[in-house]
Amino acid sequence: NEWPGGAFQRFAEMTLPMYNYDLRKCITDMSGRSDMGRLSQECAEALQPENEALLLLLQKLVQKTSFSRPSVPEALRQLGPYWAERAKAEKTRTKQVQEQRKAETARQRAEEAKREQEEQRVLEQAEKEEASRRKKAESEAEKASKEEENRLRTLLQAGAGLFRNRKQQPQDSDISNVVPETWKEQKEFFRSPKLVFKQGEMVVAFRSDGSRRFGKIMLVNGDGTYDVLVERSGGEGAGQYRTDPAGQIGKLATGRSLQEELKASELLEERELRQRRKELVKKVKTGDLVPSEWSVGQDYAFSPTASFRRGEVVVAARTDGSLRFAQVKGELRDGTFDVAVESFGKRVYPGGSLGKVFT
C-alpha cells in the first residue's frame, strides 16, 4: 500500500504540499470541482463566514514547520471553552478507564494467586493421602508376604515326599501344590515357546513368587497363550487363573524327548489351526474380509491346478486390493469358476486366482 496512513497521509504528504500548505487555497479549489462529490460540498461549507475562525485554526495546524503550529492547549483555547472542557472530560475518562483496567488486572492476579494456592493445597493433601496409602499398602504387602512365606514353607514340607516316582502323573487334586525340588527341567518337564498344550492338560506353572506349582490348562487362546488354573478355591471351575505364553509353561515329561514333544506339538497345532479355520469358514458370509492375521501358504494357497467344488468357500482378490471370502457357484466349461463375491453379485475367476482354504 503506497499510503499506509490512508487518505489523510496522502493529503498531508502530497495534496497539501501542491498548494504550498495553503489550506484555504486548497479548500477553495476543491469546492469548485465537480468530480469530488460530497467532499466539494463540505469544502464549500468550510468557506462559510461562520467557520472562519475554525478555518484559520486548521491553517495554523497544517503549517509546514512544526514550530509554527499551535500547541494542543493553545488550539483548544482558540476553539473555545466547549472544546477545552470536552478535552478535559476526555482526559478524565481516559484516566478512569486506565484505573479500572489496572484494578481489574490486580483483581485477576489476586484470584489467580488464590487459585494457585488452593491447587497447591489440594495437591499437598493428595500427596499426603497417597503417602499414607502407600505406607499402609506396603505394610499389608509385607504382612501378606510373611504369611505366604510361611504357607510356602508348609507346602514344601508337605510336598517333599510327593511324586518321587516320576511316572506318577499329577492329578486335579494336585493343582497349586509345589513341584518337588528334585524335579529338573529337561528331565521331569520341558519348556519351549514352540510347545503346544491341550485344554485340560496338567502342567508346571511358574508363579510370580518364584515357586513352581502344578496347574491345569483351562483355555487355549489361539494366540500362543493359555489360561492356566494355578490356585483352586471353591470347587470345580472356581479359582485363580493366569494367562501365560507357551514358553513360560512347563510340559510334563511322558517318556518322550524334547524333540519328540516339539514334533507332537507341531502336529497338534496344525490340527487345531485347521479346526479353527473350518469353524470360521462355517460362520463367514460372502464378501467378509479375510482376517488380517491369515497369510498365504499358511492359511490358504493359490494354484492354477487347484480344483473347487460347488459351495466351497474360497479366498478371492477384489478390484480394491482386498481379500474377501467368496463362494464357488459352479465350474464353467473353460475351466474357470462362477464365484459369488457379494450377497448380490457374481464374477468369473480362473482357478489360479482363487485361494483354497486349508481346512
Foldseek 3Di string as FASTA:
>chain_A
DVCPPPPVSCCLPPVCVVVVLQVLVSLVVLLPDPPPPVSNVVSVVCPDPVNVLVSVLVSQCSHPDPVSHDDPVVSQVSVHPVSVVVVVVVVVVVVVVVVVVVVVVVVVVVVVVVVVVVVVVVVVVVVVVVVVVVVVVVVVVVVVVVVVVVVLVVLQVVCQPPCPPLQDDDDPVQAQRFDHPVDDEQPFWHADLLFDDDAQAWWWAQDPVRTIGIWGFHDDPLPQKTKIFRADDDDPPDGDIDIDGRRRIIHGDNPDGPVVRSVVRVVVNLVVLLVVLVVVQVPDDQQAFDDPPDDEPRFWHFDLPDDDDFQAWWWAQDPVRTITIWGFHAADPVQWTWIGRDPPDIDIGRRRRIIHGRD
